[in-house]
Amino acid sequence: MSKKQLDKEEQALVDAFEAGEFQSELTEARVKELQEAADATARKDKRINIRISSRDLELLKRRALKEGLPYQSLVASILHKYIAGSLKDIESDNNHR
């Protein structure tokens, strides 16, 4: 595996980081706020039941196996990404071009 060469600006940033020239601006309060947000996001405290086709379920299970996680976790991840706005409909995007 070859190591990517850094340009001068990138190397200067790496050197500055390694020399300890960067300091975090995170306060303890902000760290606590971020930890609470992460905990709330990860907490799974509700259950839903849905009906999907057996074909879709089989494809979902195959994709989850490929990703190395339980299919329920994959569904939860997809739903979370969708409501957070980070899941794009590629097909829909292509139709609007």
N, C-alpha and C. Protein backbone atom coordinates (compact mmCIF):
# COMPACT_ATOMS: atom_id res chain seq x y z
N MET A 1 0.85 -1.17 0.00
CA MET A 1 0.00 0.00 0.00
C MET A 1 0.90 1.24 0.00
N SER A 2 0.72 2.09 -1.00
CA SER A 2 1.57 3.27 -1.09
C SER A 2 1.03 4.41 -0.24
N LYS A 3 1.96 5.18 0.29
CA LYS A 3 1.58 6.31 1.14
C LYS A 3 1.37 7.54 0.26
N LYS A 4 0.28 8.22 0.43
CA LYS A 4 -0.03 9.40 -0.38
C LYS A 4 0.91 10.52 0.00
N GLN A 5 1.44 11.18 -1.00
CA GLN A 5 2.32 12.32 -0.78
C GLN A 5 1.49 13.55 -0.43
N LEU A 6 1.92 14.28 0.57
CA LEU A 6 1.22 15.49 0.99
C LEU A 6 1.82 16.70 0.29
N ASP A 7 0.95 17.69 -0.01
CA ASP A 7 1.50 18.93 -0.56
C ASP A 7 2.08 19.74 0.60
N LYS A 8 2.71 20.88 0.30
CA LYS A 8 3.40 21.67 1.33
C LYS A 8 2.46 22.12 2.44
N GLU A 9 1.27 22.57 2.06
CA GLU A 9 0.30 23.04 3.06
C GLU A 9 -0.15 21.90 3.97
N GLU A 10 -0.45 20.74 3.37
CA GLU A 10 -0.86 19.58 4.17
C GLU A 10 0.25 19.14 5.12
N GLN A 11 1.49 19.12 4.61
CA GLN A 11 2.61 18.70 5.45
C GLN A 11 2.84 19.68 6.59
N ALA A 12 2.64 20.98 6.32
CA ALA A 12 2.80 21.99 7.37
C ALA A 12 1.77 21.79 8.47
N LEU A 13 0.54 21.43 8.09
CA LEU A 13 -0.51 21.15 9.09
C LEU A 13 -0.17 19.92 9.92
N VAL A 14 0.30 18.87 9.26
CA VAL A 14 0.69 17.65 9.98
C VAL A 14 1.83 17.95 10.95
N ASP A 15 2.82 18.68 10.47
CA ASP A 15 3.96 19.03 11.32
C ASP A 15 3.52 19.85 12.53
N ALA A 16 2.64 20.83 12.30
CA ALA A 16 2.15 21.67 13.40
C ALA A 16 1.36 20.85 14.41
N PHE A 17 0.53 19.93 13.90
CA PHE A 17 -0.25 19.07 14.79
C PHE A 17 0.67 18.20 15.64
N GLU A 18 1.63 17.57 14.98
CA GLU A 18 2.55 16.68 15.69
C GLU A 18 3.42 17.44 16.69
N ALA A 19 3.64 18.73 16.46
CA ALA A 19 4.45 19.54 17.37
C ALA A 19 3.61 20.08 18.53
N GLY A 20 2.31 19.76 18.52
CA GLY A 20 1.44 20.19 19.60
C GLY A 20 1.00 21.64 19.50
N GLU A 21 0.99 22.18 18.30
CA GLU A 21 0.65 23.59 18.12
C GLU A 21 -0.86 23.86 18.08
N PHE A 22 -1.64 22.82 18.03
CA PHE A 22 -3.09 22.98 18.01
C PHE A 22 -3.66 22.72 19.39
N GLN A 23 -4.65 23.51 19.76
CA GLN A 23 -5.32 23.31 21.04
C GLN A 23 -6.82 23.19 20.79
N SER A 24 -7.44 22.29 21.49
CA SER A 24 -8.88 22.10 21.36
C SER A 24 -9.63 23.29 21.96
N GLU A 25 -10.72 23.67 21.30
CA GLU A 25 -11.58 24.74 21.81
C GLU A 25 -12.80 24.17 22.52
N LEU A 26 -12.83 22.85 22.66
CA LEU A 26 -13.97 22.22 23.32
C LEU A 26 -13.91 22.47 24.83
N THR A 27 -15.00 22.99 25.34
CA THR A 27 -15.10 23.15 26.79
C THR A 27 -15.68 21.87 27.36
N GLU A 28 -15.55 21.71 28.67
CA GLU A 28 -16.14 20.53 29.31
C GLU A 28 -17.64 20.50 29.10
N ALA A 29 -18.28 21.67 29.12
CA ALA A 29 -19.73 21.74 28.92
C ALA A 29 -20.11 21.28 27.52
N ARG A 30 -19.31 21.69 26.51
CA ARG A 30 -19.60 21.30 25.13
C ARG A 30 -19.38 19.80 24.93
N VAL A 31 -18.32 19.26 25.56
CA VAL A 31 -18.07 17.82 25.47
C VAL A 31 -19.24 17.06 26.07
N LYS A 32 -19.74 17.51 27.23
CA LYS A 32 -20.87 16.86 27.87
C LYS A 32 -22.11 16.93 26.97
N GLU A 33 -22.34 18.09 26.36
CA GLU A 33 -23.48 18.27 25.46
C GLU A 33 -23.39 17.32 24.27
N LEU A 34 -22.21 17.19 23.68
CA LEU A 34 -22.02 16.29 22.55
C LEU A 34 -22.18 14.83 22.95
N GLN A 35 -21.70 14.47 24.14
CA GLN A 35 -21.86 13.10 24.62
C GLN A 35 -23.33 12.77 24.84
N GLU A 36 -24.08 13.71 25.41
CA GLU A 36 -25.51 13.49 25.64
C GLU A 36 -26.26 13.35 24.31
N ALA A 37 -25.88 14.15 23.33
CA ALA A 37 -26.51 14.06 22.01
C ALA A 37 -26.21 12.71 21.36
N ALA A 38 -24.97 12.26 21.49
CA ALA A 38 -24.59 10.96 20.93
C ALA A 38 -25.34 9.83 21.63
N ASP A 39 -25.46 9.91 22.95
CA ASP A 39 -26.19 8.89 23.71
C ASP A 39 -27.65 8.85 23.30
N ALA A 40 -28.26 10.03 23.13
CA ALA A 40 -29.67 10.09 22.75
C ALA A 40 -29.88 9.53 21.35
N THR A 41 -28.92 9.77 20.47
CA THR A 41 -29.03 9.26 19.10
C THR A 41 -28.89 7.75 19.07
N ALA A 42 -28.00 7.22 19.90
CA ALA A 42 -27.74 5.78 19.91
C ALA A 42 -28.81 4.99 20.66
N ARG A 43 -29.55 5.66 21.54
CA ARG A 43 -30.54 4.97 22.36
C ARG A 43 -31.70 4.50 21.48
N LYS A 44 -32.03 3.26 21.61
CA LYS A 44 -33.15 2.69 20.85
C LYS A 44 -34.20 2.29 21.87
N ASP A 45 -35.15 3.19 22.07
CA ASP A 45 -36.13 2.96 23.12
C ASP A 45 -37.55 2.74 22.60
N LYS A 46 -37.71 2.68 21.29
CA LYS A 46 -39.02 2.43 20.71
C LYS A 46 -38.94 1.30 19.71
N ARG A 47 -40.04 0.60 19.58
CA ARG A 47 -40.12 -0.53 18.64
C ARG A 47 -41.21 -0.22 17.62
N ILE A 48 -40.97 -0.60 16.35
CA ILE A 48 -41.99 -0.46 15.33
C ILE A 48 -42.14 -1.78 14.60
N ASN A 49 -43.28 -1.97 14.00
CA ASN A 49 -43.53 -3.13 13.15
C ASN A 49 -43.92 -2.62 11.78
N ILE A 50 -43.30 -3.17 10.74
CA ILE A 50 -43.65 -2.77 9.38
C ILE A 50 -43.80 -4.03 8.53
N ARG A 51 -44.54 -3.88 7.46
CA ARG A 51 -44.68 -4.97 6.50
C ARG A 51 -43.94 -4.58 5.24
N ILE A 52 -43.04 -5.48 4.78
CA ILE A 52 -42.35 -5.27 3.51
C ILE A 52 -42.38 -6.57 2.74
N SER A 53 -42.10 -6.48 1.46
CA SER A 53 -42.13 -7.68 0.64
C SER A 53 -41.01 -8.63 1.06
N SER A 54 -41.24 -9.92 0.85
CA SER A 54 -40.22 -10.91 1.21
C SER A 54 -38.96 -10.68 0.37
N ARG A 55 -39.13 -10.23 -0.86
CA ARG A 55 -37.98 -9.94 -1.72
C ARG A 55 -37.14 -8.80 -1.13
N ASP A 56 -37.80 -7.71 -0.72
CA ASP A 56 -37.07 -6.59 -0.11
C ASP A 56 -36.38 -7.01 1.17
N LEU A 57 -37.04 -7.82 1.97
CA LEU A 57 -36.44 -8.29 3.21
C LEU A 57 -35.20 -9.12 2.92
N GLU A 58 -35.28 -9.99 1.94
CA GLU A 58 -34.13 -10.82 1.58
C GLU A 58 -32.97 -9.95 1.09
N LEU A 59 -33.27 -8.96 0.26
CA LEU A 59 -32.22 -8.06 -0.23
C LEU A 59 -31.63 -7.24 0.92
N LEU A 60 -32.49 -6.83 1.84
CA LEU A 60 -32.04 -6.09 3.01
C LEU A 60 -31.10 -6.93 3.86
N LYS A 61 -31.46 -8.17 4.08
CA LYS A 61 -30.62 -9.08 4.87
C LYS A 61 -29.28 -9.32 4.19
N ARG A 62 -29.30 -9.44 2.86
CA ARG A 62 -28.05 -9.64 2.12
C ARG A 62 -27.14 -8.41 2.26
N ARG A 63 -27.74 -7.23 2.13
CA ARG A 63 -26.95 -5.99 2.24
C ARG A 63 -26.38 -5.86 3.65
N ALA A 64 -27.19 -6.19 4.65
CA ALA A 64 -26.72 -6.10 6.04
C ALA A 64 -25.57 -7.06 6.28
N LEU A 65 -25.68 -8.27 5.74
CA LEU A 65 -24.61 -9.26 5.87
C LEU A 65 -23.33 -8.73 5.23
N LYS A 66 -23.47 -8.13 4.05
CA LYS A 66 -22.32 -7.54 3.36
C LYS A 66 -21.70 -6.41 4.19
N GLU A 67 -22.54 -5.64 4.88
CA GLU A 67 -22.06 -4.53 5.71
C GLU A 67 -21.56 -5.01 7.08
N GLY A 68 -21.88 -6.26 7.42
CA GLY A 68 -21.40 -6.82 8.69
C GLY A 68 -22.21 -6.38 9.90
N LEU A 69 -23.52 -6.18 9.70
CA LEU A 69 -24.35 -5.82 10.85
C LEU A 69 -25.72 -6.45 10.73
N PRO A 70 -26.44 -6.52 11.84
CA PRO A 70 -27.79 -7.08 11.81
C PRO A 70 -28.70 -6.23 10.92
N TYR A 71 -29.65 -6.88 10.25
CA TYR A 71 -30.49 -6.14 9.32
C TYR A 71 -31.34 -5.09 10.02
N GLN A 72 -31.74 -5.34 11.28
CA GLN A 72 -32.51 -4.33 12.00
C GLN A 72 -31.68 -3.07 12.22
N SER A 73 -30.39 -3.24 12.49
CA SER A 73 -29.50 -2.10 12.67
C SER A 73 -29.34 -1.32 11.37
N LEU A 74 -29.27 -2.04 10.26
CA LEU A 74 -29.18 -1.38 8.96
C LEU A 74 -30.44 -0.56 8.70
N VAL A 75 -31.60 -1.12 8.98
CA VAL A 75 -32.86 -0.39 8.79
C VAL A 75 -32.88 0.86 9.67
N ALA A 76 -32.49 0.73 10.93
CA ALA A 76 -32.47 1.88 11.83
C ALA A 76 -31.50 2.94 11.32
N SER A 77 -30.36 2.52 10.81
CA SER A 77 -29.37 3.46 10.28
C SER A 77 -29.91 4.19 9.05
N ILE A 78 -30.56 3.47 8.17
CA ILE A 78 -31.14 4.08 6.97
C ILE A 78 -32.20 5.10 7.36
N LEU A 79 -33.07 4.73 8.28
CA LEU A 79 -34.12 5.66 8.72
C LEU A 79 -33.52 6.90 9.36
N HIS A 80 -32.50 6.70 10.20
CA HIS A 80 -31.86 7.84 10.86
C HIS A 80 -31.22 8.78 9.84
N LYS A 81 -30.51 8.21 8.88
CA LYS A 81 -29.87 9.03 7.84
C LYS A 81 -30.93 9.78 7.02
N TYR A 82 -32.04 9.14 6.75
CA TYR A 82 -33.10 9.77 5.97
C TYR A 82 -33.69 10.97 6.71
N ILE A 83 -34.04 10.79 7.97
CA ILE A 83 -34.66 11.90 8.70
C ILE A 83 -33.66 13.00 9.03
N ALA A 84 -32.36 12.63 9.09
CA ALA A 84 -31.32 13.64 9.35
C ALA A 84 -30.94 14.40 8.08
N GLY A 85 -31.46 13.94 6.94
CA GLY A 85 -31.19 14.63 5.68
C GLY A 85 -29.90 14.24 5.01
N SER A 86 -29.25 13.18 5.49
CA SER A 86 -27.97 12.79 4.89
C SER A 86 -28.10 11.62 3.91
N LEU A 87 -29.32 11.17 3.68
CA LEU A 87 -29.56 10.08 2.73
C LEU A 87 -30.20 10.69 1.50
N LYS A 88 -29.54 10.56 0.35
CA LYS A 88 -30.04 11.16 -0.88
C LYS A 88 -30.68 10.10 -1.76
N ASP A 89 -31.72 10.48 -2.46
CA ASP A 89 -32.36 9.62 -3.44
C ASP A 89 -31.67 9.86 -4.78
N ILE A 90 -30.74 8.99 -5.13
CA ILE A 90 -29.95 9.15 -6.36
C ILE A 90 -30.85 9.11 -7.57
N GLU A 91 -31.81 8.21 -7.59
CA GLU A 91 -32.70 8.10 -8.74
C GLU A 91 -33.48 9.39 -8.95
N SER A 92 -33.98 9.96 -7.87
CA SER A 92 -34.73 11.21 -7.96
C SER A 92 -33.83 12.35 -8.43
N ASP A 93 -32.60 12.39 -7.92
CA ASP A 93 -31.64 13.42 -8.34
C ASP A 93 -31.36 13.32 -9.83
N ASN A 94 -31.24 12.09 -10.34
CA ASN A 94 -30.95 11.91 -11.76
C ASN A 94 -32.12 12.32 -12.64
N ASN A 95 -33.33 12.19 -12.14
CA ASN A 95 -34.52 12.56 -12.92
C ASN A 95 -34.70 14.06 -13.04
N HIS A 96 -34.07 14.83 -12.15
CA HIS A 96 -34.22 16.27 -12.16
C HIS A 96 -33.10 16.97 -12.93
N ARG A 97 -32.27 16.21 -13.63
CA ARG A 97 -31.16 16.83 -14.38
C ARG A 97 -31.50 17.00 -15.81
